[in-house]
């Protein structure tokens, strides 16, 4: 799996306003080369019980609830997300949040594949054209700024 796809999905989750408003604690664990890494620290997970739980969840492709903590498997990015809910959170509220999380992930995947090939995850024509247009806009702004500096500060 390409890392830019993983980053795109995580960024989509972290920047979603509804998810931010919910203020539940999210921790991402990414499976890479048969090892689990914690997203925010990029460190290898060493807790053997947690590794076993993450591996079980990932292999079963199912979520798991342990007390007020819900684990969600996100197969498209080889990740398990741990969501910690406050102790007295209504189950309907947690289900609603999990559904929202799945919607954000699905949208992130769709938006990524709008500009990337699904098989290779390489920029497709649409993505390449957008990248070139963005570069031209950036170049134009840079040149405009330089010209302004030259003309106003001889």
C-alpha atoms as a PDB file:
ATOM      1  CA  UNK A   1       0.000   0.000   0.000  1.00  0.00           C
ATOM      2  CA  UNK A   2       1.282   3.417  -0.900  1.00  0.00           C
ATOM      3  CA  UNK A   3       1.812   5.702   2.055  1.00  0.00           C
ATOM      4  CA  UNK A   4       0.191   8.701   0.339  1.00  0.00           C
ATOM      5  CA  UNK A   5      -3.150   6.851   0.231  1.00  0.00           C
ATOM      6  CA  UNK A   6      -2.882   6.069   3.949  1.00  0.00           C
ATOM      7  CA  UNK A   7      -2.009   9.707   4.701  1.00  0.00           C
ATOM      8  CA  UNK A   8      -4.906  10.932   2.555  1.00  0.00           C
ATOM      9  CA  UNK A   9      -7.432   8.808   4.453  1.00  0.00           C
ATOM     10  CA  UNK A  10      -6.044   9.748   7.891  1.00  0.00           C
ATOM     11  CA  UNK A  11      -5.966  13.450   6.960  1.00  0.00           C
ATOM     12  CA  UNK A  12      -9.584  13.219   5.797  1.00  0.00           C
ATOM     13  CA  UNK A  13     -10.576  11.752   9.169  1.00  0.00           C
ATOM     14  CA  UNK A  14      -8.564  14.265  11.177  1.00  0.00           C
ATOM     15  CA  UNK A  15      -9.856  17.302   9.270  1.00  0.00           C
ATOM     16  CA  UNK A  16     -13.524  16.319   9.162  1.00  0.00           C
ATOM     17  CA  UNK A  17     -15.512  18.905  11.152  1.00  0.00           C
ATOM     18  CA  UNK A  18     -18.105  16.453  12.479  1.00  0.00           C
ATOM     19  CA  UNK A  19     -15.416  14.095  13.743  1.00  0.00           C
ATOM     20  CA  UNK A  20     -13.551  17.000  15.358  1.00  0.00           C
ATOM     21  CA  UNK A  21     -16.738  18.187  17.061  1.00  0.00           C
ATOM     22  CA  UNK A  22     -17.379  14.758  18.574  1.00  0.00           C
ATOM     23  CA  UNK A  23     -14.083  15.032  20.495  1.00  0.00           C
ATOM     24  CA  UNK A  24     -13.645  11.294  20.932  1.00  0.00           C
ATOM     25  CA  UNK A  25     -10.062  10.092  21.206  1.00  0.00           C
ATOM     26  CA  UNK A  26      -8.835   8.298  18.075  1.00  0.00           C
ATOM     27  CA  UNK A  27      -5.602   6.314  17.893  1.00  0.00           C
ATOM     28  CA  UNK A  28      -4.462   4.729  14.624  1.00  0.00           C
ATOM     29  CA  UNK A  29      -2.455   1.517  14.444  1.00  0.00           C
ATOM     30  CA  UNK A  30      -1.025   0.720  11.011  1.00  0.00           C
ATOM     31  CA  UNK A  31       0.075  -2.756   9.949  1.00  0.00           C
ATOM     32  CA  UNK A  32       3.263  -2.633   7.875  1.00  0.00           C
ATOM     33  CA  UNK A  33       5.555  -5.604   7.150  1.00  0.00           C
ATOM     34  CA  UNK A  34       3.655  -7.716   9.709  1.00  0.00           C
ATOM     35  CA  UNK A  35       4.349  -5.151  12.466  1.00  0.00           C
ATOM     36  CA  UNK A  36       1.983  -2.703  14.141  1.00  0.00           C
ATOM     37  CA  UNK A  37       2.926   0.968  14.312  1.00  0.00           C
ATOM     38  CA  UNK A  38       1.201   3.685  16.285  1.00  0.00           C
ATOM     39  CA  UNK A  39       0.392   6.532  13.881  1.00  0.00           C
ATOM     40  CA  UNK A  40       1.073   9.626  15.957  1.00  0.00           C
ATOM     41  CA  UNK A  41       4.451   8.469  17.257  1.00  0.00           C
ATOM     42  CA  UNK A  42       5.377   6.263  14.265  1.00  0.00           C
ATOM     43  CA  UNK A  43       6.788   3.825  16.803  1.00  0.00           C
ATOM     44  CA  UNK A  44       6.576   0.092  16.756  1.00  0.00           C
ATOM     45  CA  UNK A  45       3.914  -1.229  19.123  1.00  0.00           C
ATOM     46  CA  UNK A  46       5.432  -3.522  21.768  1.00  0.00           C
ATOM     47  CA  UNK A  47       2.440  -4.353  24.003  1.00  0.00           C
ATOM     48  CA  UNK A  48       1.961  -8.058  23.183  1.00  0.00           C
ATOM     49  CA  UNK A  49      -1.695  -8.138  24.291  1.00  0.00           C
ATOM     50  CA  UNK A  50      -2.511  -5.109  22.145  1.00  0.00           C
ATOM     51  CA  UNK A  51      -0.639  -6.594  19.168  1.00  0.00           C
ATOM     52  CA  UNK A  52      -2.625  -9.819  19.522  1.00  0.00           C
ATOM     53  CA  UNK A  53      -5.906  -7.876  19.728  1.00  0.00           C
ATOM     54  CA  UNK A  54      -5.039  -5.682  16.709  1.00  0.00           C
ATOM     55  CA  UNK A  55      -4.043  -8.732  14.654  1.00  0.00           C
ATOM     56  CA  UNK A  56      -7.248 -10.575  15.578  1.00  0.00           C
ATOM     57  CA  UNK A  57      -9.388  -7.578  14.628  1.00  0.00           C
ATOM     58  CA  UNK A  58      -7.504  -7.072  11.369  1.00  0.00           C
ATOM     59  CA  UNK A  59      -7.719 -10.732  10.344  1.00  0.00           C
ATOM     60  CA  UNK A  60     -11.417 -10.997  11.198  1.00  0.00           C
ATOM     61  CA  UNK A  61     -12.126  -7.718   9.359  1.00  0.00           C
ATOM     62  CA  UNK A  62     -14.534  -6.910  12.201  1.00  0.00           C
ATOM     63  CA  UNK A  63     -14.600  -4.304  14.911  1.00  0.00           C
ATOM     64  CA  UNK A  64     -14.441  -5.132  18.597  1.00  0.00           C
ATOM     65  CA  UNK A  65     -15.671  -3.366  21.708  1.00  0.00           C
ATOM     66  CA  UNK A  66     -13.816  -3.601  25.015  1.00  0.00           C
ATOM     67  CA  UNK A  67     -15.561  -1.593  27.778  1.00  0.00           C
ATOM     68  CA  UNK A  68     -15.750   2.013  26.516  1.00  0.00           C
ATOM     69  CA  UNK A  69     -13.202   1.435  23.737  1.00  0.00           C
ATOM     70  CA  UNK A  70     -14.196   0.470  20.211  1.00  0.00           C
ATOM     71  CA  UNK A  71     -11.701  -0.921  17.686  1.00  0.00           C
ATOM     72  CA  UNK A  72     -12.542  -0.429  13.999  1.00  0.00           C
ATOM     73  CA  UNK A  73     -10.776  -2.315  11.222  1.00  0.00           C
ATOM     74  CA  UNK A  74     -10.023  -0.185   8.135  1.00  0.00           C
ATOM     75  CA  UNK A  75      -8.881  -2.794   5.675  1.00  0.00           C
ATOM     76  CA  UNK A  76      -8.189  -0.402   2.757  1.00  0.00           C
ATOM     77  CA  UNK A  77      -5.294   1.159   4.683  1.00  0.00           C
ATOM     78  CA  UNK A  78      -4.249  -1.827   6.852  1.00  0.00           C
ATOM     79  CA  UNK A  79      -5.213   0.098   9.958  1.00  0.00           C
ATOM     80  CA  UNK A  80      -7.145  -0.459  13.147  1.00  0.00           C
ATOM     81  CA  UNK A  81      -8.578   2.657  14.776  1.00  0.00           C
ATOM     82  CA  UNK A  82      -9.086   2.700  18.528  1.00  0.00           C
ATOM     83  CA  UNK A  83     -11.902   5.015  19.603  1.00  0.00           C
ATOM     84  CA  UNK A  84     -12.198   5.851  23.288  1.00  0.00           C
ATOM     85  CA  UNK A  85     -15.661   7.013  24.302  1.00  0.00           C
ATOM     86  CA  UNK A  86     -16.376   8.689  27.630  1.00  0.00           C
ATOM     87  CA  UNK A  87     -17.773   6.111  30.088  1.00  0.00           C
ATOM     88  CA  UNK A  88     -21.400   7.226  29.938  1.00  0.00           C
ATOM     89  CA  UNK A  89     -21.701   7.672  26.183  1.00  0.00           C
ATOM     90  CA  UNK A  90     -25.006   6.348  24.875  1.00  0.00           C
ATOM     91  CA  UNK A  91     -24.596   3.367  22.568  1.00  0.00           C
ATOM     92  CA  UNK A  92     -26.642   5.175  19.894  1.00  0.00           C
ATOM     93  CA  UNK A  93     -24.111   8.027  20.007  1.00  0.00           C
ATOM     94  CA  UNK A  94     -21.156   5.659  19.567  1.00  0.00           C
ATOM     95  CA  UNK A  95     -22.887   3.819  16.701  1.00  0.00           C
ATOM     96  CA  UNK A  96     -23.665   7.159  15.056  1.00  0.00           C
ATOM     97  CA  UNK A  97     -20.012   8.205  15.351  1.00  0.00           C
ATOM     98  CA  UNK A  98     -18.737   4.886  13.945  1.00  0.00           C
ATOM     99  CA  UNK A  99     -21.100   5.234  10.980  1.00  0.00           C
ATOM    100  CA  UNK A 100     -19.829   8.775  10.423  1.00  0.00           C
ATOM    101  CA  UNK A 101     -16.256   7.516  10.557  1.00  0.00           C
ATOM    102  CA  UNK A 102     -17.024   4.884   7.900  1.00  0.00           C
ATOM    103  CA  UNK A 103     -18.652   7.544   5.698  1.00  0.00           C
ATOM    104  CA  UNK A 104     -15.589   9.786   5.954  1.00  0.00           C
ATOM    105  CA  UNK A 105     -13.292   6.856   5.107  1.00  0.00           C
ATOM    106  CA  UNK A 106     -15.455   5.875   2.108  1.00  0.00           C
ATOM    107  CA  UNK A 107     -15.489   9.469   0.865  1.00  0.00           C
ATOM    108  CA  UNK A 108     -11.708   9.761   1.306  1.00  0.00           C
ATOM    109  CA  UNK A 109     -11.217   6.591  -0.704  1.00  0.00           C
ATOM    110  CA  UNK A 110     -13.524   7.832  -3.482  1.00  0.00           C
ATOM    111  CA  UNK A 111     -11.876  11.250  -3.629  1.00  0.00           C
ATOM    112  CA  UNK A 112      -8.433   9.645  -3.804  1.00  0.00           C
ATOM    113  CA  UNK A 113      -9.434   7.355  -6.656  1.00  0.00           C
ATOM    114  CA  UNK A 114     -10.957  10.268  -8.569  1.00  0.00           C
ATOM    115  CA  UNK A 115      -7.374  11.332  -9.286  1.00  0.00           C
ATOM    116  CA  UNK A 116      -5.470   8.015  -8.984  1.00  0.00           C
ATOM    117  CA  UNK A 117      -5.554   4.666 -10.741  1.00  0.00           C
ATOM    118  CA  UNK A 118      -7.228   2.072  -8.489  1.00  0.00           C
ATOM    119  CA  UNK A 119      -4.809  -0.716  -9.304  1.00  0.00           C
ATOM    120  CA  UNK A 120      -1.475   1.113  -9.231  1.00  0.00           C
ATOM    121  CA  UNK A 121      -2.498   4.173  -7.151  1.00  0.00           C
ATOM    122  CA  UNK A 122      -0.501   6.310  -9.602  1.00  0.00           C
ATOM    123  CA  UNK A 123      -1.910   9.686 -10.625  1.00  0.00           C
ATOM    124  CA  UNK A 124      -4.372   9.275 -13.478  1.00  0.00           C
ATOM    125  CA  UNK A 125      -5.035  11.831 -16.213  1.00  0.00           C
ATOM    126  CA  UNK A 126      -7.379  13.894 -14.047  1.00  0.00           C
ATOM    127  CA  UNK A 127      -4.919  13.923 -11.158  1.00  0.00           C
ATOM    128  CA  UNK A 128      -1.996  14.783 -13.419  1.00  0.00           C
ATOM    129  CA  UNK A 129      -3.887  17.641 -15.057  1.00  0.00           C
ATOM    130  CA  UNK A 130      -4.868  19.050 -11.666  1.00  0.00           C
ATOM    131  CA  UNK A 131      -1.283  18.808 -10.418  1.00  0.00           C
ATOM    132  CA  UNK A 132       0.028  20.647 -13.520  1.00  0.00           C
ATOM    133  CA  UNK A 133      -2.658  23.338 -13.188  1.00  0.00           C
ATOM    134  CA  UNK A 134      -1.798  23.777  -9.497  1.00  0.00           C
ATOM    135  CA  UNK A 135       1.885  24.141 -10.399  1.00  0.00           C
ATOM    136  CA  UNK A 136       1.091  26.785 -13.021  1.00  0.00           C
ATOM    137  CA  UNK A 137      -1.057  28.722 -10.552  1.00  0.00           C
ATOM    138  CA  UNK A 138       1.732  28.550  -7.970  1.00  0.00           C
ATOM    139  CA  UNK A 139       4.308  29.622 -10.572  1.00  0.00           C
ATOM    140  CA  UNK A 140       2.081  32.502 -11.714  1.00  0.00           C
ATOM    141  CA  UNK A 141       1.585  33.703  -8.128  1.00  0.00           C
ATOM    142  CA  UNK A 142       5.311  33.456  -7.481  1.00  0.00           C
ATOM    143  CA  UNK A 143       6.157  35.400 -10.650  1.00  0.00           C
ATOM    144  CA  UNK A 144       3.498  38.016  -9.850  1.00  0.00           C
ATOM    145  CA  UNK A 145       4.951  38.434  -6.372  1.00  0.00           C
ATOM    146  CA  UNK A 146       8.493  38.740  -7.765  1.00  0.00           C
ATOM    147  CA  UNK A 147       7.402  41.316 -10.346  1.00  0.00           C
ATOM    148  CA  UNK A 148       5.612  43.311  -7.652  1.00  0.00           C
ATOM    149  CA  UNK A 149       8.757  43.307  -5.494  1.00  0.00           C
ATOM    150  CA  UNK A 150      10.900  44.415  -8.424  1.00  0.00           C
ATOM    151  CA  UNK A 151       8.521  47.192  -9.454  1.00  0.00           C
ATOM    152  CA  UNK A 152       7.835  48.542  -5.964  1.00  0.00           C
ATOM    153  CA  UNK A 153      11.350  48.193  -4.540  1.00  0.00           C
ATOM    154  CA  UNK A 154      13.801  49.251  -7.271  1.00  0.00           C
END
